[in-house]
Amino acid sequence: SATGEDPVEWWYDLRASIWDRPIRKMKPRTTAGQLIPPALITSLYDDATEASDRLLGVQRRIEPDPDVGGIYEDQRREYVDRWRSIVELY
């Protein structure tokens, strides 16, 4: 956007609130993600989390808003129940 603000910033807040868990918004490094598999293969980092933290970098941590999450609680529970029934098929 013209202000430099992420036009979908609201989505990160909503997603954290719906799933009731913090999420990490990563820094915009479009090609660094391609380095994660080779970094893991060569044992440069212990695991994918460490590799992504070091190579991609967290821009900010987004905490859930319980008031917003409560609005979507029934839909989230229904989604999770459906997902569990589908997973059992595989």
Foldseek 3Di string as FASTA:
>chain_A
DVVPDDPVPVVQQLVQQQVQHKDFAWDPDPPQVVCQVVCVVVPVDDDSVVSCCVRTNTPDIHGHDPVSNVVCVVVSVVVVVVVVVVVVVD
